[in-house]
Amino acid sequence: MTTFLSILSVKTNSYSNEKIVLGLIAVTANEVFYAYSKTKLALLNKFSKEEDIAFFLKSLLNQVQHTVEESNKILYSNQSSLIHGVTVFSEDYFSYLNKYNNGIFQFSEPVSVNANFSANDFANYYSKFVGEPLITSTPKSKKTFYQKLKPLFEKENLKQKADINFQFNPVTFKGILKETSIPLITKNGDISVLQTIDFTLQPNTIANHFYETQIIYNALTIFSKKIGCNVDKIKIGFEEPILKTEQHKLFDMAVSEYKEIFEFLTIDKVEKYTDKIAESENVKFSSLLS
């Protein structure tokens, strides 16, 4: 994927076509970088004839921020998906936005940059285009769902007893159309699998992870019959989403719909599950394929 930049600007005078560069967005294969000037935003009402332009623009800029955060959650999750959504962050989409700029909020034509793009690169470009240094907020101390899970997969002896991030090959597993992975799979009599699903993601992404996991369960059921064993309920590691959200409604539906084939585990139960495997006589699932 090509790394590219797009400049966010605001037209302060519809007659003279005057513009103020307000922010910058950079899209890479692994992360989307985005920032805008709160200082310039606060001063806009003084420069523009549009009534309360700053309030209007802040709403638009926050919408972009939300979309960036959701996209980055998916990129950080390290979960391969059989069903891929179409991301809004593509060169073609930004070219479209640039071509049909009619309002006061505008995106520039995307410009390709160095593929090995870093946060420092973004800060340098931001300083040049926006005209002020990028001030980054202090990272929040609250750990993400995947940061909490990561140490649980790094326990001593666990990698000798289970496959971590096991890749399913479509040639071997009937029903899987392309390579996909599962966080943990092991065998001790029956095949035991752990999937992890982040309920802070968008509902469509969460639903796709469940569809993917059911496909994996079906493929393992077919495979297990060939080797004369069974597949335990797939364990779903999760944190309960915020009440009265679309994610919580989806969580309630998933627990009800998939109770026959999935077992839902909170993070503390995932820890106990991985402890048990590390201390067991389990063998790697991959050993069945050799």
Protein backbone atom coordinates (compact mmCIF):
# COMPACT_ATOMS: atom_id res chain seq x y z
CA MET A 1 0.00 0.00 0.00
CA THR A 2 1.28 3.48 -0.92
CA THR A 3 1.81 5.90 1.97
CA PHE A 4 0.25 9.27 1.26
CA LEU A 5 -0.59 12.65 2.80
CA SER A 6 -3.63 14.87 2.48
CA ILE A 7 -3.80 18.44 3.81
CA LEU A 8 -6.95 19.61 5.59
CA SER A 9 -7.82 23.24 5.00
CA VAL A 10 -10.71 25.63 5.54
CA LYS A 11 -11.92 28.28 3.07
CA THR A 12 -12.43 31.48 5.05
CA ASN A 13 -13.62 33.67 2.18
CA SER A 14 -15.79 32.28 -0.61
CA TYR A 15 -15.11 35.31 -2.84
CA SER A 16 -11.31 35.44 -2.65
CA ASN A 17 -10.91 31.69 -2.12
CA GLU A 18 -8.65 32.31 0.88
CA LYS A 19 -7.68 29.16 2.76
CA ILE A 20 -6.08 28.30 6.09
CA VAL A 21 -4.28 24.97 6.49
CA LEU A 22 -5.85 23.41 9.56
CA GLY A 23 -4.50 19.86 9.74
CA LEU A 24 -2.89 16.86 8.13
CA ILE A 25 -3.67 13.18 7.63
CA ALA A 26 -1.17 10.49 6.63
CA VAL A 27 -2.25 6.98 5.65
CA THR A 28 0.16 4.04 5.80
CA ALA A 29 -0.32 0.27 5.64
CA ASN A 30 0.03 -0.07 9.43
CA GLU A 31 -1.32 3.17 10.90
CA VAL A 32 -3.27 6.32 10.11
CA PHE A 33 -1.76 9.55 11.47
CA TYR A 34 -3.98 12.60 11.99
CA ALA A 35 -3.81 15.96 13.75
CA TYR A 36 -5.27 19.44 13.45
CA SER A 37 -4.47 22.82 14.98
CA LYS A 38 -6.69 23.64 17.92
CA THR A 39 -5.09 27.10 18.02
CA LYS A 40 -6.11 27.92 14.45
CA LEU A 41 -9.55 26.42 15.01
CA ALA A 42 -10.14 28.71 17.98
CA LEU A 43 -9.20 31.78 15.91
CA LEU A 44 -11.28 30.95 12.84
CA ASN A 45 -14.36 32.93 13.88
CA LYS A 46 -12.24 36.09 13.76
CA PHE A 47 -11.05 35.47 10.19
CA SER A 48 -14.18 34.07 8.57
CA LYS A 49 -17.47 35.71 7.64
CA GLU A 50 -19.23 32.37 8.19
CA GLU A 51 -21.18 32.37 11.46
CA ASP A 52 -19.61 30.19 14.17
CA ILE A 53 -17.44 28.33 11.66
CA ALA A 54 -15.20 26.94 14.44
CA PHE A 55 -18.07 25.03 16.08
CA PHE A 56 -19.10 23.52 12.74
CA LEU A 57 -15.54 22.52 11.81
CA LYS A 58 -14.80 21.01 15.22
CA SER A 59 -17.68 18.58 14.69
CA LEU A 60 -16.29 17.54 11.28
CA LEU A 61 -12.74 17.21 12.60
CA ASN A 62 -13.94 15.04 15.49
CA GLN A 63 -15.75 12.77 13.03
CA VAL A 64 -12.48 12.30 11.15
CA GLN A 65 -10.73 11.62 14.48
CA HIS A 66 -13.28 8.93 15.36
CA THR A 67 -12.84 7.20 11.99
CA VAL A 68 -9.04 7.30 12.38
CA GLU A 69 -9.25 5.74 15.85
CA GLU A 70 -11.56 2.95 14.67
CA SER A 71 -9.28 2.17 11.71
CA ASN A 72 -6.22 2.06 13.94
CA LYS A 73 -7.93 -0.29 16.40
CA ILE A 74 -8.41 -2.76 13.57
CA LEU A 75 -4.82 -2.34 12.35
CA TYR A 76 -3.46 -2.85 15.89
CA SER A 77 -5.59 -5.91 16.64
CA ASN A 78 -3.38 -8.30 14.61
CA GLN A 79 -6.43 -10.41 13.72
CA SER A 80 -6.61 -11.76 10.19
CA SER A 81 -10.13 -11.68 8.83
CA LEU A 82 -11.81 -13.76 6.15
CA ILE A 83 -14.20 -10.89 5.48
CA HIS A 84 -12.62 -7.51 4.80
CA GLY A 85 -14.44 -4.18 4.93
CA VAL A 86 -13.65 -1.35 2.52
CA THR A 87 -11.66 1.35 4.29
CA VAL A 88 -12.45 4.99 3.67
CA PHE A 89 -8.74 5.77 3.84
CA SER A 90 -7.68 5.14 0.25
CA GLU A 91 -5.97 7.38 -2.31
CA ASP A 92 -8.97 7.15 -4.61
CA TYR A 93 -11.31 8.36 -1.87
CA PHE A 94 -9.14 11.37 -1.02
CA SER A 95 -8.83 12.19 -4.73
CA TYR A 96 -12.62 12.11 -4.89
CA LEU A 97 -12.89 14.41 -1.87
CA ASN A 98 -10.42 16.83 -3.44
CA LYS A 99 -12.15 16.83 -6.81
CA TYR A 100 -15.59 17.56 -5.39
CA ASN A 101 -14.60 20.06 -2.71
CA ASN A 102 -17.58 22.42 -2.56
CA GLY A 103 -17.76 23.36 1.10
CA ILE A 104 -15.54 25.28 3.48
CA PHE A 105 -13.79 22.10 4.72
CA GLN A 106 -11.42 20.70 2.08
CA PHE A 107 -8.89 17.90 1.53
CA SER A 108 -5.91 18.28 -0.81
CA GLU A 109 -5.06 15.81 -3.57
CA PRO A 110 -3.16 12.90 -1.88
CA VAL A 111 0.64 13.06 -2.19
CA SER A 112 2.78 9.90 -2.02
CA VAL A 113 5.64 9.94 0.51
CA ASN A 114 8.36 7.65 1.87
CA ALA A 115 6.93 4.16 2.51
CA ASN A 116 8.90 3.81 5.79
CA PHE A 117 6.79 6.53 7.37
CA SER A 118 7.05 7.12 11.13
CA ALA A 119 5.46 9.31 13.78
CA ASN A 120 8.52 11.59 13.56
CA ASP A 121 7.97 11.97 9.82
CA PHE A 122 4.36 12.94 10.47
CA ALA A 123 5.42 15.55 13.05
CA ASN A 124 7.90 17.07 10.56
CA TYR A 125 5.33 17.27 7.76
CA TYR A 126 2.73 18.67 10.15
CA SER A 127 5.13 21.42 11.23
CA LYS A 128 5.88 22.37 7.60
CA PHE A 129 2.30 22.36 6.31
CA VAL A 130 0.37 23.62 9.34
CA GLY A 131 3.07 26.04 10.44
CA GLU A 132 3.32 25.02 14.08
CA PRO A 133 4.92 22.15 16.00
CA LEU A 134 2.84 19.05 16.60
CA ILE A 135 1.94 18.82 20.28
CA THR A 136 1.18 15.25 21.20
CA SER A 137 -0.92 14.52 24.25
CA THR A 138 0.44 12.30 26.99
CA PRO A 139 -0.59 8.70 26.26
CA LYS A 140 -3.33 7.40 28.49
CA SER A 141 -2.22 4.84 31.04
CA LYS A 142 -5.28 2.68 30.42
CA LYS A 143 -4.30 -0.50 28.61
CA THR A 144 -6.14 -1.65 25.52
CA PHE A 145 -7.82 -5.05 25.34
CA TYR A 146 -4.92 -6.54 23.38
CA GLN A 147 -2.29 -5.02 25.66
CA LYS A 148 -3.95 -6.78 28.59
CA LEU A 149 -3.97 -10.09 26.71
CA LYS A 150 -0.42 -10.00 25.34
CA PRO A 151 1.39 -11.17 28.54
CA LEU A 152 -1.00 -14.12 28.82
CA PHE A 153 0.37 -15.55 25.57
CA GLU A 154 4.00 -15.08 26.62
CA LYS A 155 4.00 -17.38 29.64
CA GLU A 156 6.84 -19.83 30.17
CA ASN A 157 6.11 -23.27 28.66
CA LEU A 158 2.93 -22.11 26.90
CA LYS A 159 4.54 -22.08 23.45
CA GLN A 160 5.72 -25.65 24.01
CA LYS A 161 2.13 -26.78 24.71
CA ALA A 162 0.12 -24.68 22.24
CA ASP A 163 0.39 -22.91 18.89
CA ILE A 164 0.21 -19.13 19.24
CA ASN A 165 -1.27 -17.23 16.25
CA PHE A 166 -1.74 -20.46 14.33
CA GLN A 167 -2.28 -20.00 10.57
CA PHE A 168 -4.99 -22.08 8.92
CA ASN A 169 -4.09 -23.24 5.41
CA PRO A 170 -7.09 -23.44 3.02
CA VAL A 171 -5.56 -26.52 1.37
CA THR A 172 -5.67 -28.49 4.64
CA PHE A 173 -8.86 -27.13 6.21
CA LYS A 174 -12.09 -27.50 4.26
CA GLY A 175 -14.31 -24.41 4.27
CA ILE A 176 -11.52 -21.87 4.83
CA LEU A 177 -11.10 -19.79 1.69
CA LYS A 178 -7.89 -17.94 2.54
CA GLU A 179 -5.22 -18.04 5.23
CA THR A 180 -6.46 -16.83 8.59
CA SER A 181 -5.20 -17.18 12.14
CA ILE A 182 -6.38 -17.97 15.65
CA PRO A 183 -4.61 -16.66 18.80
CA LEU A 184 -4.19 -20.08 20.46
CA ILE A 185 -4.89 -23.71 19.63
CA THR A 186 -3.81 -26.88 21.49
CA LYS A 187 -4.73 -30.53 21.98
CA ASN A 188 -5.08 -32.80 24.99
CA GLY A 189 -7.53 -35.46 23.92
CA ASP A 190 -9.80 -32.90 22.22
CA ILE A 191 -8.84 -29.84 20.22
CA SER A 192 -9.09 -26.64 22.28
CA VAL A 193 -9.13 -23.16 20.72
CA LEU A 194 -9.03 -19.60 22.06
CA GLN A 195 -10.27 -16.66 19.99
CA THR A 196 -10.14 -13.03 21.20
CA ILE A 197 -12.66 -10.37 20.18
CA ASP A 198 -12.39 -6.68 21.01
CA PHE A 199 -15.86 -5.29 21.67
CA THR A 200 -14.67 -1.69 21.36
CA LEU A 201 -14.47 -2.10 17.57
CA GLN A 202 -17.26 -1.22 15.15
CA PRO A 203 -20.24 -3.66 15.20
CA ASN A 204 -19.60 -4.82 11.61
CA THR A 205 -16.00 -5.72 12.46
CA ILE A 206 -17.09 -7.59 15.60
CA ALA A 207 -19.73 -9.51 13.63
CA ASN A 208 -17.17 -10.46 10.98
CA HIS A 209 -14.87 -11.88 13.68
CA PHE A 210 -17.72 -14.10 14.89
CA TYR A 211 -18.48 -15.26 11.32
CA GLU A 212 -14.79 -16.03 10.84
CA THR A 213 -14.63 -17.98 14.12
CA GLN A 214 -17.66 -20.08 13.18
CA ILE A 215 -15.99 -20.93 9.85
CA ILE A 216 -12.86 -22.00 11.77
CA TYR A 217 -14.98 -24.13 14.13
CA ASN A 218 -16.71 -25.85 11.18
CA ALA A 219 -13.36 -26.51 9.46
CA LEU A 220 -11.87 -27.96 12.66
CA THR A 221 -14.92 -30.19 13.17
CA ILE A 222 -14.41 -31.70 9.71
CA PHE A 223 -10.66 -32.08 10.33
CA SER A 224 -11.13 -33.64 13.80
CA LYS A 225 -13.25 -36.46 12.37
CA LYS A 226 -10.33 -37.47 10.15
CA ILE A 227 -8.03 -37.89 13.15
CA GLY A 228 -10.61 -39.37 15.53
CA CYS A 229 -11.12 -36.66 18.13
CA ASN A 230 -13.51 -33.83 19.02
CA VAL A 231 -13.41 -30.05 19.14
CA ASP A 232 -14.22 -28.31 22.43
CA LYS A 233 -16.36 -25.20 22.43
CA ILE A 234 -14.20 -22.37 21.08
CA LYS A 235 -13.31 -20.04 23.93
CA ILE A 236 -13.94 -16.35 23.23
CA GLY A 237 -11.75 -14.00 25.27
CA PHE A 238 -13.55 -10.68 25.78
CA GLU A 239 -14.17 -7.60 27.91
CA GLU A 240 -17.83 -6.69 28.32
CA PRO A 241 -18.66 -3.58 26.28
CA ILE A 242 -20.31 -0.47 27.70
CA LEU A 243 -24.00 -0.92 28.48
CA LYS A 244 -26.64 0.51 26.11
CA THR A 245 -24.23 0.60 23.13
CA GLU A 246 -24.52 -1.16 19.78
CA GLN A 247 -21.52 -3.26 20.82
CA HIS A 248 -23.31 -4.46 23.96
CA LYS A 249 -26.42 -5.36 21.98
CA LEU A 250 -24.20 -7.39 19.66
CA PHE A 251 -22.48 -9.01 22.66
CA ASP A 252 -25.84 -10.12 24.11
CA MET A 253 -26.91 -11.54 20.75
CA ALA A 254 -23.60 -13.38 20.29
CA VAL A 255 -23.80 -15.01 23.74
CA SER A 256 -27.33 -16.18 22.95
CA GLU A 257 -26.73 -17.30 19.35
CA TYR A 258 -23.39 -19.05 19.80
CA LYS A 259 -23.77 -20.63 23.26
CA GLU A 260 -23.75 -24.15 21.74
CA ILE A 261 -20.31 -23.79 20.13
CA PHE A 262 -18.59 -20.90 21.97
CA GLU A 263 -17.64 -20.38 25.61
CA PHE A 264 -17.13 -16.76 26.66
CA LEU A 265 -14.16 -16.04 28.95
CA THR A 266 -13.33 -12.78 30.72
CA ILE A 267 -9.64 -11.79 30.79
CA ASP A 268 -9.10 -13.30 34.25
CA LYS A 269 -10.54 -16.59 33.00
CA VAL A 270 -8.30 -16.42 29.92
CA GLU A 271 -5.37 -16.12 32.33
CA LYS A 272 -6.48 -19.24 34.23
CA TYR A 273 -7.00 -21.08 30.93
CA THR A 274 -3.47 -20.29 29.68
CA ASP A 275 -2.02 -21.16 33.12
CA LYS A 276 -3.71 -24.55 32.93
CA ILE A 277 -2.30 -25.23 29.46
CA ALA A 278 1.23 -24.16 30.48
CA GLU A 279 1.14 -26.67 33.36
CA SER A 280 -0.53 -29.49 31.37
CA GLU A 281 0.60 -32.35 29.17
CA ASN A 282 -1.00 -30.73 26.12
CA VAL A 283 0.65 -30.93 22.70
CA LYS A 284 0.72 -28.40 19.91
CA PHE A 285 -2.09 -28.74 17.40
CA SER A 286 0.48 -28.32 14.61
CA SER A 287 2.05 -31.63 15.66
CA LEU A 288 -1.03 -33.36 14.25
CA LEU A 289 -0.26 -32.02 10.79
CA SER A 290 3.28 -33.37 10.43
